[in-house]
Protein backbone atom coordinates (compact mmCIF):
# COMPACT_ATOMS: atom_id res chain seq x y z
CA UNK A 1 24.35 -43.61 -13.71
CA UNK A 2 27.58 -41.72 -12.85
CA UNK A 3 26.79 -38.28 -11.63
CA UNK A 4 29.01 -36.31 -13.96
CA UNK A 5 28.24 -33.03 -15.82
CA UNK A 6 26.85 -34.89 -18.87
CA UNK A 7 24.57 -36.92 -16.77
CA UNK A 8 23.36 -33.94 -14.83
CA UNK A 9 22.72 -32.21 -18.23
CA UNK A 10 20.57 -35.08 -19.41
CA UNK A 11 18.55 -35.10 -16.18
CA UNK A 12 18.10 -31.40 -16.52
CA UNK A 13 16.65 -31.83 -19.98
CA UNK A 14 14.13 -34.45 -18.82
CA UNK A 15 13.03 -32.48 -15.75
CA UNK A 16 12.68 -29.18 -17.70
CA UNK A 17 10.70 -30.87 -20.41
CA UNK A 18 8.32 -32.34 -17.86
CA UNK A 19 7.85 -29.02 -16.17
CA UNK A 20 7.27 -27.26 -19.44
CA UNK A 21 4.63 -29.85 -20.32
CA UNK A 22 2.95 -29.36 -16.95
CA UNK A 23 2.79 -25.54 -17.40
CA UNK A 24 1.52 -25.99 -20.97
CA UNK A 25 -1.25 -28.34 -19.69
CA UNK A 26 -2.48 -26.21 -16.82
CA UNK A 27 -2.44 -23.13 -19.04
CA UNK A 28 -5.67 -24.27 -20.62
CA UNK A 29 -7.42 -24.35 -17.28
CA UNK A 30 -6.44 -20.82 -16.34
CA UNK A 31 -8.55 -17.75 -17.29
CA UNK A 32 -7.33 -15.64 -20.20
CA UNK A 33 -6.73 -12.72 -17.78
CA UNK A 34 -3.65 -14.60 -16.52
CA UNK A 35 -1.02 -13.52 -18.99
CA UNK A 36 2.50 -14.96 -19.48
CA UNK A 37 1.71 -18.71 -19.20
CA UNK A 38 2.70 -19.46 -22.79
CA UNK A 39 6.19 -18.04 -22.63
CA UNK A 40 6.62 -19.52 -19.11
CA UNK A 41 5.67 -22.91 -20.55
CA UNK A 42 8.07 -22.62 -23.49
CA UNK A 43 10.91 -21.44 -21.28
CA UNK A 44 11.73 -24.83 -19.58
CA UNK A 45 11.08 -26.68 -22.83
CA UNK A 46 13.64 -24.47 -24.59
CA UNK A 47 16.10 -25.04 -21.68
CA UNK A 48 15.45 -28.76 -22.10
CA UNK A 49 16.37 -28.52 -25.83
CA UNK A 50 19.49 -26.62 -24.89
CA UNK A 51 20.51 -29.28 -22.45
CA UNK A 52 19.80 -31.96 -25.00
CA UNK A 53 21.96 -30.12 -27.58
CA UNK A 54 24.75 -29.79 -25.11
CA UNK A 55 24.52 -33.52 -24.30
CA UNK A 56 25.28 -34.26 -28.03
CA UNK A 57 28.83 -32.94 -27.68
CA UNK A 58 31.05 -35.40 -29.44
CA UNK A 59 28.26 -36.58 -31.72
CA UNK A 60 27.85 -33.28 -33.47
CA UNK A 61 30.41 -30.64 -34.55
CA UNK A 62 31.47 -28.52 -31.54
CA UNK A 63 30.55 -25.34 -33.31
CA UNK A 64 27.01 -26.49 -33.83
CA UNK A 65 26.61 -27.80 -30.24
CA UNK A 66 28.06 -24.68 -28.65
CA UNK A 67 26.10 -22.02 -30.67
CA UNK A 68 22.78 -23.93 -30.84
CA UNK A 69 22.89 -24.77 -27.16
CA UNK A 70 23.89 -21.20 -26.22
CA UNK A 71 21.15 -19.73 -28.31
CA UNK A 72 18.49 -22.02 -26.90
CA UNK A 73 19.66 -21.42 -23.27
CA UNK A 74 19.60 -17.67 -23.81
CA UNK A 75 16.15 -17.95 -25.38
CA UNK A 76 14.87 -20.01 -22.41
CA UNK A 77 16.23 -17.43 -19.94
CA UNK A 78 14.52 -14.68 -21.96
CA UNK A 79 11.22 -16.47 -22.12
CA UNK A 80 11.11 -16.77 -18.37
CA UNK A 81 11.66 -13.06 -18.16
CA UNK A 82 9.20 -12.22 -20.93
CA UNK A 83 6.49 -14.30 -19.32
CA UNK A 84 6.93 -12.34 -16.04
CA UNK A 85 6.73 -9.12 -18.01
CA UNK A 86 3.36 -10.14 -19.48
CA UNK A 87 2.14 -11.52 -16.16
CA UNK A 88 2.78 -8.19 -14.46
CA UNK A 89 1.43 -6.17 -17.41
CA UNK A 90 4.76 -4.66 -18.40
CA UNK A 91 6.04 -4.06 -21.91
CA UNK A 92 7.78 -7.12 -23.27
CA UNK A 93 11.39 -6.00 -24.12
CA UNK A 94 12.20 -8.82 -26.56
CA UNK A 95 13.83 -6.62 -29.13
CA UNK A 96 16.35 -5.24 -26.56
CA UNK A 97 17.26 -8.66 -25.17
CA UNK A 98 17.24 -10.28 -28.57
CA UNK A 99 19.78 -7.72 -29.73
CA UNK A 100 21.92 -8.38 -26.59
CA UNK A 101 21.70 -12.13 -27.21
CA UNK A 102 22.69 -11.84 -30.85
CA UNK A 103 25.65 -9.60 -29.96
CA UNK A 104 26.68 -12.14 -27.28
CA UNK A 105 26.45 -15.01 -29.80
CA UNK A 106 28.56 -13.02 -32.32
CA UNK A 107 31.27 -12.59 -29.78
CA UNK A 108 31.03 -16.31 -28.88
CA UNK A 109 31.39 -17.20 -32.58
CA UNK A 110 34.62 -15.33 -32.76
CA UNK A 111 36.03 -17.14 -29.80
CA UNK A 112 34.97 -20.43 -31.34
CA UNK A 113 36.87 -19.62 -34.49
CA UNK A 114 39.84 -18.55 -32.33
CA UNK A 115 39.14 -20.98 -29.47
CA UNK A 116 39.25 -19.68 -25.98
CA UNK A 117 36.85 -21.47 -23.56
CA UNK A 118 37.47 -19.01 -20.76
CA UNK A 119 36.46 -15.90 -22.70
CA UNK A 120 33.33 -17.79 -24.02
CA UNK A 121 32.40 -18.64 -20.42
CA UNK A 122 32.77 -15.07 -19.21
CA UNK A 123 30.84 -13.60 -22.14
CA UNK A 124 28.03 -16.17 -21.77
CA UNK A 125 27.61 -16.00 -18.04
CA UNK A 126 27.71 -12.10 -18.15
CA UNK A 127 24.80 -12.10 -20.71
CA UNK A 128 22.80 -14.60 -18.65
CA UNK A 129 23.49 -12.63 -15.48
CA UNK A 130 22.16 -9.41 -17.01
CA UNK A 131 18.90 -11.08 -17.99
CA UNK A 132 18.49 -12.94 -14.67
CA UNK A 133 19.11 -9.83 -12.69
CA UNK A 134 16.57 -7.78 -14.79
CA UNK A 135 14.11 -10.58 -14.18
CA UNK A 136 14.79 -10.66 -10.48
CA UNK A 137 14.34 -6.87 -10.16
CA UNK A 138 11.00 -7.05 -11.93
CA UNK A 139 9.67 -9.79 -9.73
CA UNK A 140 11.02 -8.05 -6.54
CA UNK A 141 9.36 -4.79 -7.62
CA UNK A 142 5.99 -6.00 -8.88
CA UNK A 143 5.48 -9.39 -7.20
CA UNK A 144 4.05 -10.31 -3.80
CA UNK A 145 3.58 -13.38 -1.79
CA UNK A 146 5.48 -16.61 -1.37
CA UNK A 147 5.77 -17.49 -5.02
CA UNK A 148 7.31 -14.06 -5.98
CA UNK A 149 9.86 -14.32 -3.14
CA UNK A 150 10.69 -17.90 -4.26
CA UNK A 151 11.27 -16.76 -7.86
CA UNK A 152 13.29 -13.68 -6.83
CA UNK A 153 15.38 -15.73 -4.44
CA UNK A 154 16.01 -18.34 -7.08
CA UNK A 155 17.00 -15.74 -9.61
CA UNK A 156 19.40 -14.00 -7.14
CA UNK A 157 20.99 -17.39 -6.39
CA UNK A 158 21.25 -18.16 -10.12
CA UNK A 159 22.85 -14.83 -10.77
CA UNK A 160 25.39 -15.33 -7.93
CA UNK A 161 26.30 -18.70 -9.39
CA UNK A 162 26.72 -17.29 -12.87
CA UNK A 163 28.97 -14.52 -11.61
CA UNK A 164 31.02 -17.02 -9.62
CA UNK A 165 31.36 -19.35 -12.60
CA UNK A 166 32.50 -16.56 -14.86
CA UNK A 167 35.04 -15.30 -12.39
CA UNK A 168 36.35 -18.76 -11.69
CA UNK A 169 36.81 -19.54 -15.38
CA UNK A 170 40.39 -17.98 -15.44
CA UNK A 171 41.49 -20.13 -12.50
CA UNK A 172 39.90 -23.56 -13.28
CA UNK A 173 39.64 -23.62 -17.03
CA UNK A 174 42.10 -23.51 -19.93
CA UNK A 175 41.75 -22.14 -23.42
CA UNK A 176 40.87 -25.63 -24.68
CA UNK A 177 38.68 -26.74 -21.74
CA UNK A 178 35.51 -28.83 -22.33
CA UNK A 179 31.96 -28.10 -21.20
CA UNK A 180 31.88 -31.42 -19.44
CA UNK A 181 35.23 -31.25 -17.81
CA UNK A 182 35.19 -33.32 -14.58
CA UNK A 183 35.83 -30.38 -12.19
CA UNK A 184 33.94 -29.55 -8.99
CA UNK A 185 33.23 -26.03 -10.26
CA UNK A 186 31.65 -27.14 -13.55
CA UNK A 187 29.62 -29.89 -11.88
CA UNK A 188 28.28 -27.45 -9.31
CA UNK A 189 27.56 -24.91 -12.05
CA UNK A 190 25.48 -27.38 -14.17
CA UNK A 191 23.68 -28.78 -11.10
CA UNK A 192 22.72 -25.33 -9.96
CA UNK A 193 21.33 -24.64 -13.41
CA UNK A 194 19.15 -27.78 -13.24
CA UNK A 195 17.94 -26.77 -9.78
CA UNK A 196 17.09 -23.23 -10.78
CA UNK A 197 15.09 -24.20 -13.84
CA UNK A 198 13.04 -26.52 -11.70
CA UNK A 199 12.47 -23.96 -8.98
CA UNK A 200 11.61 -21.27 -11.56
CA UNK A 201 9.05 -23.51 -13.18
CA UNK A 202 7.44 -24.29 -9.76
CA UNK A 203 7.54 -20.66 -8.82
CA UNK A 204 5.78 -19.30 -11.87
CA UNK A 205 3.12 -22.02 -11.54
CA UNK A 206 2.54 -21.00 -7.94
CA UNK A 207 2.46 -17.32 -8.83
CA UNK A 208 -0.15 -17.91 -11.48
CA UNK A 209 -2.21 -20.01 -9.02
CA UNK A 210 -2.04 -17.18 -6.46
CA UNK A 211 -3.35 -14.76 -9.12
CA UNK A 212 -6.22 -17.08 -9.90
CA UNK A 213 -7.10 -17.26 -6.21
CA UNK A 214 -7.03 -13.50 -5.89
CA UNK A 215 -9.36 -13.18 -8.94
CA UNK A 216 -11.77 -15.67 -7.39
CA UNK A 217 -11.75 -13.80 -4.10
CA UNK A 218 -12.41 -10.61 -5.96
CA UNK A 219 -15.35 -12.13 -7.79
CA UNK A 220 -16.72 -13.47 -4.42
CA UNK A 221 -16.60 -9.90 -2.89
CA UNK A 222 -17.64 -7.82 -5.85
CA UNK A 223 -21.03 -7.21 -7.43
CA UNK A 224 -20.70 -8.36 -11.04
CA UNK A 225 -22.90 -5.61 -12.44
CA UNK A 226 -21.63 -2.58 -10.61
CA UNK A 227 -18.25 -3.51 -9.13
CA UNK A 228 -19.39 -2.41 -5.69
CA UNK A 229 -18.90 -4.75 -2.74
CA UNK A 230 -21.47 -7.53 -2.37
CA UNK A 231 -23.96 -7.31 0.46
CA UNK A 232 -22.05 -9.97 2.38
CA UNK A 233 -18.66 -8.24 1.84
CA UNK A 234 -19.91 -4.72 2.80
CA UNK A 235 -21.64 -6.01 5.95
CA UNK A 236 -18.48 -7.90 6.93
CA UNK A 237 -16.50 -4.66 6.38
CA UNK A 238 -19.18 -2.79 8.42
CA UNK A 239 -18.77 -5.23 11.29
CA UNK A 240 -14.96 -4.76 11.25
CA UNK A 241 -15.46 -0.94 11.28
CA UNK A 242 -17.89 -1.19 14.14
CA UNK A 243 -15.43 -3.22 16.15
CA UNK A 244 -12.80 -0.74 15.47
CA UNK A 245 -15.13 2.11 16.59
CA UNK A 246 -15.85 0.37 19.85
CA UNK A 247 -12.18 -0.31 20.45
CA UNK A 248 -10.70 3.09 19.54
CA UNK A 249 -13.62 5.52 19.77
CA UNK A 250 -13.10 6.98 16.29
CA UNK A 251 -16.46 8.20 14.80
CA UNK A 252 -18.20 5.93 12.32
CA UNK A 253 -21.08 6.87 9.99
CA UNK A 254 -23.08 4.93 7.41
CA UNK A 255 -25.22 6.04 4.43
CA UNK A 256 -28.02 4.03 2.99
CA UNK A 257 -28.79 5.17 -0.55
CA UNK A 258 -31.78 4.28 -2.77
CA UNK A 259 -32.11 5.11 -6.53
CA UNK A 260 -35.35 7.08 -6.90
CA UNK A 261 -38.19 5.57 -8.92
CA UNK A 262 -35.96 2.69 -10.18
CA UNK A 263 -38.89 0.40 -10.73
CA UNK A 264 -40.26 2.93 -13.13
CA UNK A 265 -36.99 2.97 -15.06
CA UNK A 266 -37.12 -0.84 -15.46
CA UNK A 267 -40.79 -0.69 -16.49
CA UNK A 268 -40.33 2.01 -19.13
CA UNK A 269 -36.89 1.22 -20.44
CA UNK A 270 -36.25 -2.43 -19.58
CA UNK A 271 -33.93 -4.23 -17.16
CA UNK A 272 -30.83 -3.87 -19.31
CA UNK A 273 -31.21 -0.07 -19.23
CA UNK A 274 -31.89 -0.36 -15.55
CA UNK A 275 -28.61 -2.18 -15.10
CA UNK A 276 -26.76 0.60 -16.97
CA UNK A 277 -28.34 3.17 -14.65
CA UNK A 278 -27.02 1.29 -11.60
CA UNK A 279 -23.56 1.02 -13.11
CA UNK A 280 -23.31 4.70 -14.00
CA UNK A 281 -24.71 5.67 -10.60
CA UNK A 282 -22.01 3.63 -8.85
CA UNK A 283 -19.30 5.35 -10.99
CA UNK A 284 -20.67 8.73 -10.05
CA UNK A 285 -20.83 7.83 -6.33
CA UNK A 286 -17.27 6.50 -6.34
CA UNK A 287 -15.98 9.90 -7.52
CA UNK A 288 -17.24 11.43 -4.21
CA UNK A 289 -15.75 8.90 -1.82
CA UNK A 290 -12.40 8.70 -0.03
CA UNK A 291 -10.02 5.75 -0.39
CA UNK A 292 -11.05 4.58 3.07
CA UNK A 293 -14.83 4.65 2.33
CA UNK A 294 -16.59 1.36 1.33
CA UNK A 295 -19.38 1.24 -1.17
CA UNK A 296 -21.52 -1.89 -1.33
CA UNK A 297 -24.64 -3.00 -3.06
CA UNK A 298 -27.14 -3.74 -0.25
CA UNK A 299 -29.85 -5.11 -2.48
CA UNK A 300 -31.51 -4.21 -5.86
CA UNK A 301 -31.10 -0.41 -6.18
CA UNK A 302 -30.02 0.14 -2.57
CA UNK A 303 -26.40 0.81 -1.61
CA UNK A 304 -24.51 1.12 1.63
CA UNK A 305 -21.63 3.58 2.06
CA UNK A 306 -19.35 3.05 5.10
CA UNK A 307 -17.65 6.22 6.31
CA UNK A 308 -14.88 5.45 8.87
CA UNK A 309 -13.57 8.30 11.08
CA UNK A 310 -16.50 10.38 10.01
CA UNK A 311 -18.77 12.34 12.46
CA UNK A 312 -22.44 13.33 11.82
CA UNK A 313 -21.68 16.64 10.21
CA UNK A 314 -19.03 15.29 7.90
CA UNK A 315 -21.28 12.27 6.97
CA UNK A 316 -24.21 14.59 6.00
CA UNK A 317 -21.77 16.69 3.92
CA UNK A 318 -20.57 13.57 2.22
CA UNK A 319 -24.06 12.38 1.61
CA UNK A 320 -24.99 15.74 0.04
CA UNK A 321 -21.95 15.50 -2.35
CA UNK A 322 -23.05 12.13 -3.47
CA UNK A 323 -26.65 13.20 -3.95
CA UNK A 324 -25.59 16.30 -6.00
CA UNK A 325 -23.18 14.27 -8.06
CA UNK A 326 -25.92 11.82 -8.99
CA UNK A 327 -28.28 14.56 -9.82
CA UNK A 328 -25.67 16.39 -11.97
CA UNK A 329 -24.39 13.29 -13.68
CA UNK A 330 -24.85 13.23 -17.44
CA UNK A 331 -25.45 9.66 -18.39
CA UNK A 332 -24.59 7.87 -21.62
CA UNK A 333 -26.99 8.14 -24.62
CA UNK A 334 -30.29 6.14 -24.13
CA UNK A 335 -29.63 5.97 -20.39
CA UNK A 336 -32.09 8.01 -18.26
CA UNK A 337 -30.75 10.28 -15.48
CA UNK A 338 -31.32 9.34 -11.92
CA UNK A 339 -31.51 10.85 -8.42
CA UNK A 340 -31.16 9.22 -5.05
CA UNK A 341 -32.56 9.46 -1.55
CA UNK A 342 -30.11 8.96 1.29
CA UNK A 343 -30.35 8.12 4.94
CA UNK A 344 -27.54 8.92 7.35
CA UNK A 345 -26.69 7.10 10.62
CA UNK A 346 -23.87 7.61 13.06
CA UNK A 347 -22.57 5.10 15.71
CA UNK A 348 -23.84 6.04 19.16
CA UNK A 349 -23.16 4.93 22.71
CA UNK A 350 -25.18 1.89 23.43
CA UNK A 351 -24.96 0.46 19.93
CA UNK A 352 -23.95 -3.23 20.03
CA UNK A 353 -23.72 -4.06 16.26
CA UNK A 354 -23.69 -2.55 12.83
CA UNK A 355 -27.26 -3.65 12.45
CA UNK A 356 -28.41 -0.66 14.61
CA UNK A 357 -26.75 1.77 12.30
CA UNK A 358 -28.40 0.11 9.32
CA UNK A 359 -31.80 0.32 11.05
CA UNK A 360 -31.41 4.00 11.83
CA UNK A 361 -30.11 4.68 8.23
CA UNK A 362 -33.08 2.77 6.81
CA UNK A 363 -35.57 4.91 8.91
CA UNK A 364 -33.84 8.04 7.73
CA UNK A 365 -34.02 6.84 4.14
CA UNK A 366 -37.80 6.20 4.52
CA UNK A 367 -38.23 9.82 5.73
CA UNK A 368 -36.19 11.10 2.73
CA UNK A 369 -38.54 9.27 0.34
CA UNK A 370 -41.57 10.44 2.24
CA UNK A 371 -40.46 14.07 2.11
CA UNK A 372 -40.13 14.12 -1.71
CA UNK A 373 -37.00 12.07 -2.57
CA UNK A 374 -33.70 13.37 -3.99
CA UNK A 375 -32.79 14.46 -0.48
CA UNK A 376 -30.65 13.50 2.59
CA UNK A 377 -32.16 12.80 5.98
């Protein structure tokens, strides 16, 4: 097959259709929390339809080919952008961009009635550039990781090609030029479009996959009931903070907290109510912690709180705030109030692991229980 603009357009249609089908297929296997996959799936399919319509030039009236292809290509560009807006939890601005697209198509209609290919190319590339740059800015602002960089880079390159093609129109085209004119500029323009649609489709698929991995990592480190760190995650964080204490000498404290008489809550009110008590207790505790503190569920109704850069006095003050917040917390209806006993431990010279802090905090917690509960030791 001769590699001319029409041939490239046909290949673009085939590749874009395949990528859209792939995105539509994997969408079913992704959790519903991953938004934007449907417009992302429809975007390359719409671009494939646009390329297919353009390839019909000569077989259909020029007006039908031009306006249908342009409308579909603008829609495909918008769908990529709207998918990213949904993915990042931003409002979908389809009314704004739909209005811009309709205005652009109206101008293009006039210059089809009074033919001037150069003006049509400038108007169309300017509209596409505006949407592409808005999309690039969104991904650059809200995205992170390799996939976001790939998408932002592809969009930036696409915008540069669009601007270059629009500016070159008055030098390489005439008023009666054809979309499939055998010029180097037009061939490069159509080839870059094909390449960018492929890269954008791969990029959004990678970005969705990265989000799924992040969600699984979050599930692996968070207690499903309370949202606190799991025992494994909080102990790992404790080991890291302990290593940091040994390296830099910054104080490190640890609290071990136990909900008082929790077995009695389960026996009297049932385990579902007990679960609600734990969830509300964690919410109340979080309100008293700093951004650098770590709260983890140690087991059952026991919780560990890591307090980096905190000496003994500050740790005890923090423990008292937590205890008072729990005692003062007004729970939801049908949920009994709760108090907590708290043991405090501080890293000391001679400690070789976080386990020694946990052992001292556990001994202090036992004393708090023995001395009447709802207290700090």
